[in-house]
Amino acid sequence: MKREIEFPSKLTFLINENHRYKVLYGGRGGAKSWGAARALIIKAAKSKIRVLCAREIQNSIRDSVIKLLSDQIQSMGLSSHFEIQRDVIKGINGSEFLFKGLRMNVQEIKSTEGIDICWVEEAQTVSKASWDVLIPTIRKDGSEIWITFNPELDTDITYQRFVMNPPATAKVVKVNWQDNPWFPKELIAEKDDLKERDPDSYLTVWEGNCRAVLDGAIYANELRQATNDNRITSVPYDSTKGVQCIFDLGRADKTSIWFVQQVGFEYRLIDFYENRGFAFNHYIKVVREKPYIIERLVLPHDATAALLASERTIEQQAKDNGFDTTVLARASIESGIDAARAIFNRCWFDENKCVDGLNALRRYRYEIDDSGQWSKRPLHDEYSHAADAFRYFATAMTETTSKKQTDNEYAYYGGGEGWMG
């Protein structure tokens, strides 16, 4: 018996058209995820396909879209067509849904074969590094990458890559609450209330427009000025100058590294790297493989105690690998932010190699306290590690400047001109 399944007319291309990239973006209530889930279930029920459901961070299966898919299978009356297991969904015809976090499963993603469709949910948080790994992995003939997200900043890599400058093989559709024929009446009042109270937030939350800056962003003014000054651009590596590698350390959390050159009065942030789940020797290998002359490693104060699967401290491991190493003294977060703001107007960022670091700086923001106001404490999340490394960079440069100015002010600055003239 033919089964009638409700589906938004604006999203029928997900089922009926072939495109390498199918991109759905917009505000809340547009049924983007709901529509993508239903389309995938319909396709998986009709023929055998292998689907990878991915997001940037997936600490457990609960963070995945498995519940959304399971609920839609049930509501569509297709429970007899699928077996829902703890961490996989299998169709009786051999179809399969897999669930992976991009950042935590790089090697697994690289080795995943035979994917017909990869659905990337909440794609606004996906980093350039993750896209660079994922896209060539989905290489089966006729394979597709589906992307759903609510845009935040127009500088985000996903928005730039798939909305501002989409591939020729992409179909990009903006989907908002007006396009959802089943938009719940309970959300109408919520939508209208936000429009009345905060029109700017309404445009982002419900209409899918990008914000100029995120609320509570710590370096909003500094990044805006850097953009206006064209200091986020292509920044060349000067092979006559050494590179300093400034770390924020973590294992369960991310380890972040900024690669910085100082030329005259300028600080050139020429590269950035971060990852998680690796011991310190992984990051030593990353530094060694960069085509730079490494001047020194700058480590946070806990490098004298923090152990990453080793009997030696991080400082000892760095020195044993032959690197000149500086461990910063403990300092308050507030003083580090002040130091970063003080030197921000002397910083130049490579827009391609530092894209993930810049994304983190744009999202580095204050917590909201119990009264609903912005506190003076930065939010600890996936973006704070790169921002912490940036604070350490600012602190290290301030300490170095003070010491060298005391020793010989003119020898330190040298009177040279900047690389942009």
Protein backbone atom coordinates (compact mmCIF):
# COMPACT_ATOMS: atom_id res chain seq x y z
CA MET A 1 0.00 0.00 0.00
CA LYS A 2 1.32 3.43 -0.96
CA ARG A 3 2.07 5.54 2.10
CA GLU A 4 1.49 9.31 2.14
CA ILE A 5 4.25 11.16 4.01
CA GLU A 6 4.12 14.86 4.85
CA PHE A 7 7.03 16.84 3.45
CA PRO A 8 7.74 20.58 2.94
CA SER A 9 7.45 21.42 -0.75
CA LYS A 10 10.51 23.70 -0.64
CA LEU A 11 12.67 20.72 0.35
CA THR A 12 11.56 18.17 -2.23
CA PHE A 13 14.82 18.74 -4.13
CA LEU A 14 16.52 16.74 -1.36
CA ILE A 15 14.76 13.67 -2.71
CA ASN A 16 14.24 14.42 -6.39
CA GLU A 17 17.42 16.22 -7.50
CA ASN A 18 21.09 15.27 -7.67
CA HIS A 19 23.66 17.77 -6.41
CA ARG A 20 27.08 17.22 -4.85
CA TYR A 21 26.17 19.72 -2.10
CA LYS A 22 22.67 20.35 -0.76
CA VAL A 23 22.76 23.30 1.62
CA LEU A 24 19.90 24.33 3.88
CA TYR A 25 20.43 27.41 6.02
CA GLY A 26 18.20 29.89 7.79
CA GLY A 27 16.52 30.71 11.07
CA ARG A 28 14.76 28.72 13.71
CA GLY A 29 11.55 26.84 12.93
CA GLY A 30 12.21 26.25 9.24
CA ALA A 31 12.22 22.45 9.59
CA LYS A 32 15.68 22.12 8.04
CA SER A 33 16.81 19.23 10.25
CA TRP A 34 13.33 17.71 10.25
CA GLY A 35 13.21 17.87 6.45
CA ALA A 36 16.72 16.47 5.98
CA ALA A 37 15.95 13.59 8.35
CA ARG A 38 12.71 12.73 6.55
CA ALA A 39 14.34 12.91 3.13
CA LEU A 40 17.16 10.59 4.21
CA ILE A 41 14.71 8.11 5.71
CA ILE A 42 12.63 8.08 2.51
CA LYS A 43 15.73 7.51 0.37
CA ALA A 44 17.05 4.81 2.72
CA ALA A 45 13.71 3.01 2.72
CA LYS A 46 13.49 3.03 -1.09
CA SER A 47 17.02 1.80 -1.83
CA LYS A 48 20.16 0.64 -0.07
CA ILE A 49 22.33 3.61 0.89
CA ARG A 50 25.02 4.34 3.46
CA VAL A 51 24.58 7.62 5.36
CA LEU A 52 27.13 9.34 7.58
CA CYS A 53 25.56 11.79 10.02
CA ALA A 54 28.28 14.14 11.24
CA ARG A 55 28.73 17.20 13.40
CA GLU A 56 31.83 19.00 14.62
CA ILE A 57 31.70 17.79 18.23
CA GLN A 58 30.00 14.54 19.25
CA ASN A 59 31.12 13.44 22.68
CA SER A 60 28.53 10.68 22.83
CA ILE A 61 25.76 9.19 20.71
CA ARG A 62 23.34 11.46 22.57
CA ASP A 63 24.94 14.44 20.82
CA SER A 64 24.06 12.97 17.41
CA VAL A 65 20.87 13.12 15.35
CA ILE A 66 20.04 9.48 16.06
CA LYS A 67 17.04 10.44 18.22
CA LEU A 68 15.72 12.82 15.58
CA LEU A 69 15.96 10.10 12.94
CA SER A 70 14.41 7.50 15.26
CA ASP A 71 11.49 9.79 16.08
CA GLN A 72 10.90 10.56 12.41
CA ILE A 73 11.01 6.88 11.46
CA GLN A 74 8.29 6.22 14.01
CA SER A 75 6.15 9.23 13.07
CA MET A 76 6.37 8.31 9.39
CA GLY A 77 5.13 4.80 10.13
CA LEU A 78 8.31 3.16 8.87
CA SER A 79 9.42 1.35 12.02
CA SER A 80 9.10 -2.00 10.26
CA HIS A 81 11.69 -0.87 7.69
CA PHE A 82 14.47 -0.05 10.17
CA GLU A 83 16.28 -1.51 13.17
CA ILE A 84 17.38 1.19 15.61
CA GLN A 85 20.42 0.09 17.59
CA ARG A 86 22.39 1.93 20.26
CA ASP A 87 24.74 3.75 17.89
CA VAL A 88 23.58 2.82 14.39
CA ILE A 89 20.35 2.58 12.40
CA LYS A 90 20.03 -0.25 9.87
CA GLY A 91 17.42 -0.73 7.17
CA ILE A 92 15.99 -4.12 6.35
CA ASN A 93 17.19 -3.51 2.78
CA GLY A 94 20.81 -2.99 3.91
CA SER A 95 20.72 0.78 4.35
CA GLU A 96 22.85 2.10 7.20
CA PHE A 97 23.11 5.32 9.23
CA LEU A 98 26.44 6.02 10.99
CA PHE A 99 27.14 8.83 13.47
CA LYS A 100 30.50 10.56 13.93
CA GLY A 101 32.00 13.68 15.45
CA LEU A 102 34.38 15.32 13.00
CA ARG A 103 36.90 16.82 15.39
CA MET A 104 37.31 13.78 17.63
CA ASN A 105 37.33 11.10 14.91
CA VAL A 106 39.66 12.39 12.22
CA GLN A 107 41.28 9.03 11.43
CA GLU A 108 37.95 7.19 11.52
CA ILE A 109 36.42 9.74 9.16
CA LYS A 110 39.34 9.36 6.76
CA SER A 111 38.92 5.58 6.69
CA THR A 112 35.13 5.58 6.28
CA GLU A 113 34.30 4.10 2.89
CA GLY A 114 31.27 3.82 0.67
CA ILE A 115 29.27 6.80 1.93
CA ASP A 116 26.41 7.77 -0.37
CA ILE A 117 25.24 10.79 1.61
CA CYS A 118 26.96 12.68 4.41
CA TRP A 119 24.65 14.90 6.44
CA VAL A 120 26.48 17.60 8.41
CA GLU A 121 24.17 19.03 11.06
CA GLU A 122 24.80 22.31 12.96
CA ALA A 123 27.40 23.03 10.31
CA GLN A 124 27.96 26.61 11.46
CA THR A 125 30.41 25.22 14.03
CA VAL A 126 32.43 23.07 11.60
CA SER A 127 36.04 24.19 11.29
CA LYS A 128 38.08 24.57 8.13
CA ALA A 129 40.29 21.70 9.29
CA SER A 130 37.27 19.40 9.57
CA TRP A 131 35.91 20.38 6.15
CA ASP A 132 39.34 19.76 4.64
CA VAL A 133 39.29 16.20 6.02
CA LEU A 134 35.63 15.39 5.38
CA ILE A 135 35.07 16.56 1.80
CA PRO A 136 37.67 14.35 0.06
CA THR A 137 36.53 11.42 2.23
CA ILE A 138 33.05 11.49 0.67
CA ARG A 139 34.26 10.31 -2.72
CA LYS A 140 31.92 7.54 -3.87
CA ASP A 141 30.58 8.07 -7.38
CA GLY A 142 27.41 10.18 -7.12
CA SER A 143 27.88 10.85 -3.40
CA GLU A 144 26.35 13.94 -1.81
CA ILE A 145 27.05 16.18 1.16
CA TRP A 146 24.00 17.67 2.89
CA ILE A 147 24.59 20.70 5.08
CA THR A 148 22.09 22.19 7.54
CA PHE A 149 22.82 25.13 9.79
CA ASN A 150 21.65 28.36 11.38
CA PRO A 151 24.12 31.10 10.35
CA GLU A 152 25.76 33.25 13.00
CA LEU A 153 28.62 35.33 11.55
CA ASP A 154 29.21 36.04 7.87
CA THR A 155 32.89 35.32 8.47
CA ASP A 156 32.21 31.70 9.51
CA ILE A 157 33.96 29.21 7.25
CA THR A 158 30.75 27.27 6.49
CA TYR A 159 28.83 30.41 5.55
CA GLN A 160 31.70 31.68 3.41
CA ARG A 161 32.27 28.33 1.73
CA PHE A 162 28.71 27.31 0.96
CA VAL A 163 26.59 30.49 0.94
CA MET A 164 28.83 33.42 0.02
CA ASN A 165 31.00 31.44 -2.42
CA PRO A 166 29.19 28.16 -3.06
CA PRO A 167 30.67 25.45 -5.30
CA ALA A 168 29.17 25.22 -8.79
CA THR A 169 27.82 21.79 -7.84
CA ALA A 170 25.84 23.13 -4.85
CA LYS A 171 22.16 23.88 -4.46
CA VAL A 172 21.78 26.42 -1.67
CA VAL A 173 18.35 27.12 -0.19
CA LYS A 174 17.44 29.50 2.60
CA VAL A 175 14.68 28.02 4.75
CA ASN A 176 12.85 29.99 7.42
CA TRP A 177 9.75 29.62 9.57
CA GLN A 178 7.54 30.91 6.73
CA ASP A 179 8.53 27.85 4.68
CA ASN A 180 7.39 25.39 7.32
CA PRO A 181 3.73 24.50 6.70
CA TRP A 182 3.60 22.88 10.14
CA PHE A 183 5.15 25.79 12.06
CA PRO A 184 3.76 25.33 15.61
CA LYS A 185 1.50 28.04 16.93
CA GLU A 186 3.38 27.96 20.25
CA LEU A 187 6.42 29.41 18.49
CA ILE A 188 4.52 32.24 16.84
CA ALA A 189 4.20 34.12 20.13
CA GLU A 190 7.86 33.44 20.95
CA LYS A 191 8.94 34.72 17.53
CA ASP A 192 6.79 37.86 17.77
CA ASP A 193 7.96 38.58 21.30
CA LEU A 194 11.64 38.52 20.29
CA LYS A 195 10.89 40.76 17.29
CA GLU A 196 9.38 43.30 19.65
CA ARG A 197 12.11 43.11 22.31
CA ASP A 198 15.24 42.68 20.21
CA PRO A 199 14.81 43.20 16.45
CA ASP A 200 18.49 42.48 15.71
CA SER A 201 18.37 39.12 17.48
CA TYR A 202 15.07 38.35 15.76
CA LEU A 203 16.69 38.75 12.35
CA THR A 204 19.33 36.16 13.26
CA VAL A 205 17.24 33.70 15.27
CA TRP A 206 14.13 33.64 13.09
CA GLU A 207 15.10 35.11 9.71
CA GLY A 208 18.52 33.44 9.39
CA ASN A 209 20.53 36.64 8.91
CA CYS A 210 24.10 36.85 10.14
CA ARG A 211 25.07 38.94 13.15
CA ALA A 212 27.70 41.65 12.90
CA VAL A 213 29.18 40.33 16.17
CA LEU A 214 28.10 37.80 18.77
CA ASP A 215 26.58 39.17 21.95
CA GLY A 216 29.18 39.35 24.70
CA ALA A 217 32.09 38.86 22.27
CA ILE A 218 35.28 39.86 24.08
CA TYR A 219 37.32 40.98 21.07
CA ALA A 220 34.45 42.33 18.94
CA ASN A 221 35.86 45.86 18.63
CA GLU A 222 39.41 44.66 18.02
CA LEU A 223 38.39 42.23 15.28
CA ARG A 224 36.17 44.82 13.63
CA GLN A 225 39.11 47.24 13.54
CA ALA A 226 41.45 44.53 12.21
CA THR A 227 38.97 43.90 9.39
CA ASN A 228 38.64 47.60 8.62
CA ASP A 229 42.44 47.95 8.59
CA ASN A 230 42.81 44.95 6.23
CA ARG A 231 44.94 43.16 8.82
CA ILE A 232 43.11 39.89 8.16
CA THR A 233 44.65 39.06 4.84
CA SER A 234 47.38 36.97 3.22
CA VAL A 235 50.38 37.22 5.55
CA PRO A 236 53.71 35.98 4.16
CA TYR A 237 56.20 33.96 6.16
CA ASP A 238 59.52 35.81 6.48
CA SER A 239 62.21 33.15 6.21
CA THR A 240 64.77 35.49 7.78
CA LYS A 241 62.82 35.60 11.05
CA GLY A 242 62.13 32.97 13.66
CA VAL A 243 58.65 31.74 14.55
CA GLN A 244 57.33 31.52 18.09
CA CYS A 245 54.81 28.79 18.88
CA ILE A 246 52.40 29.75 21.65
CA PHE A 247 50.44 26.89 23.24
CA ASP A 248 47.33 26.31 25.25
CA LEU A 249 47.56 22.76 26.57
CA GLY A 250 44.89 20.12 26.83
CA ARG A 251 44.11 16.53 26.02
CA ALA A 252 40.45 15.92 26.79
CA ASP A 253 40.15 19.59 25.87
CA LYS A 254 41.83 21.07 22.82
CA THR A 255 45.48 21.98 22.52
CA SER A 256 45.86 25.16 20.45
CA ILE A 257 48.97 26.67 18.86
CA TRP A 258 49.49 30.10 17.30
CA PHE A 259 52.54 30.51 15.06
CA VAL A 260 53.80 34.09 15.34
CA GLN A 261 56.58 36.20 13.86
CA GLN A 262 57.58 39.60 15.13
CA VAL A 263 58.85 42.01 12.49
CA GLY A 264 59.49 45.52 13.74
CA PHE A 265 56.41 46.68 15.58
CA GLU A 266 54.18 44.06 13.96
CA TYR A 267 53.05 40.66 15.16
CA ARG A 268 52.31 38.37 12.23
CA LEU A 269 50.08 35.43 13.11
CA ILE A 270 50.98 33.26 10.15
CA ASP A 271 49.48 29.92 11.14
CA PHE A 272 47.26 28.15 13.65
CA TYR A 273 46.69 24.53 14.67
CA GLU A 274 44.53 22.78 17.24
CA ASN A 275 43.37 19.28 18.01
CA ARG A 276 42.37 17.12 20.94
CA GLY A 277 42.91 13.62 22.22
CA PHE A 278 46.65 13.48 21.51
CA ALA A 279 49.72 13.39 23.74
CA PHE A 280 52.20 16.25 23.54
CA ASN A 281 54.52 14.44 21.10
CA HIS A 282 51.80 14.81 18.44
CA TYR A 283 52.06 18.59 18.69
CA ILE A 284 55.86 18.45 18.69
CA LYS A 285 55.58 16.56 15.40
CA VAL A 286 53.19 19.19 14.00
CA VAL A 287 55.63 21.97 14.91
CA ARG A 288 58.59 20.12 13.40
CA GLU A 289 56.76 19.52 10.13
CA LYS A 290 55.94 23.19 9.61
CA PRO A 291 58.27 24.86 7.07
CA TYR A 292 59.36 27.47 9.60
CA ILE A 293 62.45 28.32 11.60
CA ILE A 294 61.21 27.71 15.13
CA GLU A 295 62.61 30.26 17.56
CA ARG A 296 60.94 29.05 20.76
CA LEU A 297 57.91 27.38 22.28
CA VAL A 298 55.87 29.41 24.74
CA LEU A 299 53.92 27.29 27.24
CA PRO A 300 51.38 28.22 29.93
CA HIS A 301 52.24 28.04 33.61
CA ASP A 302 50.82 24.53 34.04
CA ALA A 303 53.42 23.08 31.65
CA THR A 304 55.63 22.44 34.66
CA ALA A 305 53.03 20.08 36.11
CA ALA A 306 50.66 18.92 33.39
CA LEU A 307 51.40 15.41 32.16
CA LEU A 308 50.01 14.10 28.89
CA ALA A 309 50.56 10.33 29.10
CA SER A 310 54.19 10.82 30.13
CA GLU A 311 56.32 10.78 33.27
CA ARG A 312 57.93 14.03 32.14
CA THR A 313 56.33 17.45 32.33
CA ILE A 314 55.38 19.24 29.14
CA GLU A 315 58.23 21.67 29.69
CA GLN A 316 60.71 18.79 29.96
CA GLN A 317 59.33 17.14 26.84
CA ALA A 318 59.68 20.37 24.87
CA LYS A 319 63.26 20.92 26.03
CA ASP A 320 64.20 17.26 25.47
CA ASN A 321 63.11 17.73 21.85
CA GLY A 322 65.63 20.53 21.48
CA PHE A 323 63.32 23.53 21.62
CA ASP A 324 64.11 26.77 23.39
CA THR A 325 61.18 26.90 25.78
CA THR A 326 59.56 29.60 27.89
CA VAL A 327 56.99 28.84 30.59
CA LEU A 328 54.83 31.81 31.48
CA ALA A 329 54.14 32.80 35.05
CA ARG A 330 50.59 32.37 36.30
CA ALA A 331 48.51 35.46 35.54
CA SER A 332 44.85 36.37 35.75
CA ILE A 333 42.58 35.95 32.75
CA GLU A 334 41.64 39.61 33.00
CA SER A 335 45.25 40.76 32.71
CA GLY A 336 45.75 38.45 29.71
CA ILE A 337 42.70 39.90 27.94
CA ASP A 338 43.99 43.42 28.67
CA ALA A 339 47.37 42.47 27.19
CA ALA A 340 45.69 41.03 24.09
CA ARG A 341 43.61 44.16 23.57
CA ALA A 342 46.69 46.32 24.00
CA ILE A 343 48.60 44.66 21.16
CA PHE A 344 45.70 43.72 18.90
CA ASN A 345 46.24 46.74 16.66
CA ARG A 346 49.75 45.45 15.91
CA CYS A 347 48.53 41.99 14.87
CA TRP A 348 48.19 40.73 11.29
CA PHE A 349 46.36 37.42 10.70
CA ASP A 350 46.69 35.10 7.74
CA GLU A 351 43.06 34.73 6.68
CA ASN A 352 43.48 31.16 5.38
CA LYS A 353 45.93 29.47 7.74
CA CYS A 354 44.44 31.16 10.82
CA VAL A 355 40.78 30.82 9.86
CA ASP A 356 39.92 28.43 12.71
CA GLY A 357 41.81 30.54 15.24
CA LEU A 358 40.03 33.68 14.05
CA ASN A 359 36.71 31.88 14.26
CA ALA A 360 37.46 31.08 17.90
CA LEU A 361 38.46 34.67 18.69
CA ARG A 362 35.19 35.92 17.19
CA ARG A 363 33.27 33.51 19.42
CA TYR A 364 35.24 34.09 22.61
CA ARG A 365 32.67 35.70 24.89
CA TYR A 366 31.69 36.32 28.47
CA GLU A 367 29.44 34.07 30.50
CA ILE A 368 25.97 35.14 31.54
CA ASP A 369 25.62 35.25 35.33
CA ASP A 370 22.69 34.11 37.46
CA SER A 371 20.99 37.49 37.05
CA GLY A 372 21.05 37.19 33.26
CA GLN A 373 23.79 39.81 32.84
CA TRP A 374 27.18 39.47 31.20
CA SER A 375 29.76 38.49 33.80
CA LYS A 376 33.48 39.31 33.77
CA ARG A 377 34.34 35.64 33.34
CA PRO A 378 34.87 34.24 29.83
CA LEU A 379 32.77 31.26 28.79
CA HIS A 380 34.74 28.00 28.74
CA ASP A 381 33.77 26.18 25.55
CA GLU A 382 35.33 24.80 22.38
CA TYR A 383 36.42 28.29 21.33
CA SER A 384 38.17 29.32 24.52
CA HIS A 385 41.32 27.26 23.98
CA ALA A 386 42.46 29.20 20.92
CA ALA A 387 41.60 32.41 22.76
CA ASP A 388 43.60 31.27 25.80
CA ALA A 389 46.61 30.63 23.54
CA PHE A 390 46.13 34.12 22.11
CA ARG A 391 46.19 35.55 25.64
CA TYR A 392 49.41 33.68 26.32
CA PHE A 393 50.86 35.10 23.11
CA ALA A 394 50.00 38.63 24.21
CA THR A 395 51.42 38.03 27.67
CA ALA A 396 54.63 36.53 26.27
CA MET A 397 55.14 39.41 23.84
CA THR A 398 54.55 41.95 26.59
CA GLU A 399 57.06 40.24 28.87
CA THR A 400 59.62 39.96 26.05
CA THR A 401 59.17 43.59 25.06
CA SER A 402 59.62 44.79 28.64
CA LYS A 403 62.81 42.77 29.09
CA LYS A 404 64.39 43.71 25.78
CA GLN A 405 63.48 47.36 26.11
CA THR A 406 65.21 47.37 29.45
CA ASP A 407 68.29 45.69 27.94
CA ASN A 408 68.49 47.75 24.79
CA GLU A 409 65.41 49.51 23.45
CA TYR A 410 66.89 50.41 20.07
CA ALA A 411 68.40 47.00 19.46
CA TYR A 412 65.00 45.42 20.04
CA TYR A 413 62.91 47.55 17.73
CA GLY A 414 65.59 48.24 15.13
CA GLY A 415 63.57 50.96 13.39
CA GLY A 416 62.43 48.61 10.57
CA GLU A 417 59.32 49.20 8.50
CA GLY A 418 56.32 46.86 8.45
CA TRP A 419 55.80 44.34 5.64
CA MET A 420 52.82 46.30 4.37
CA GLY A 421 54.98 49.45 4.12
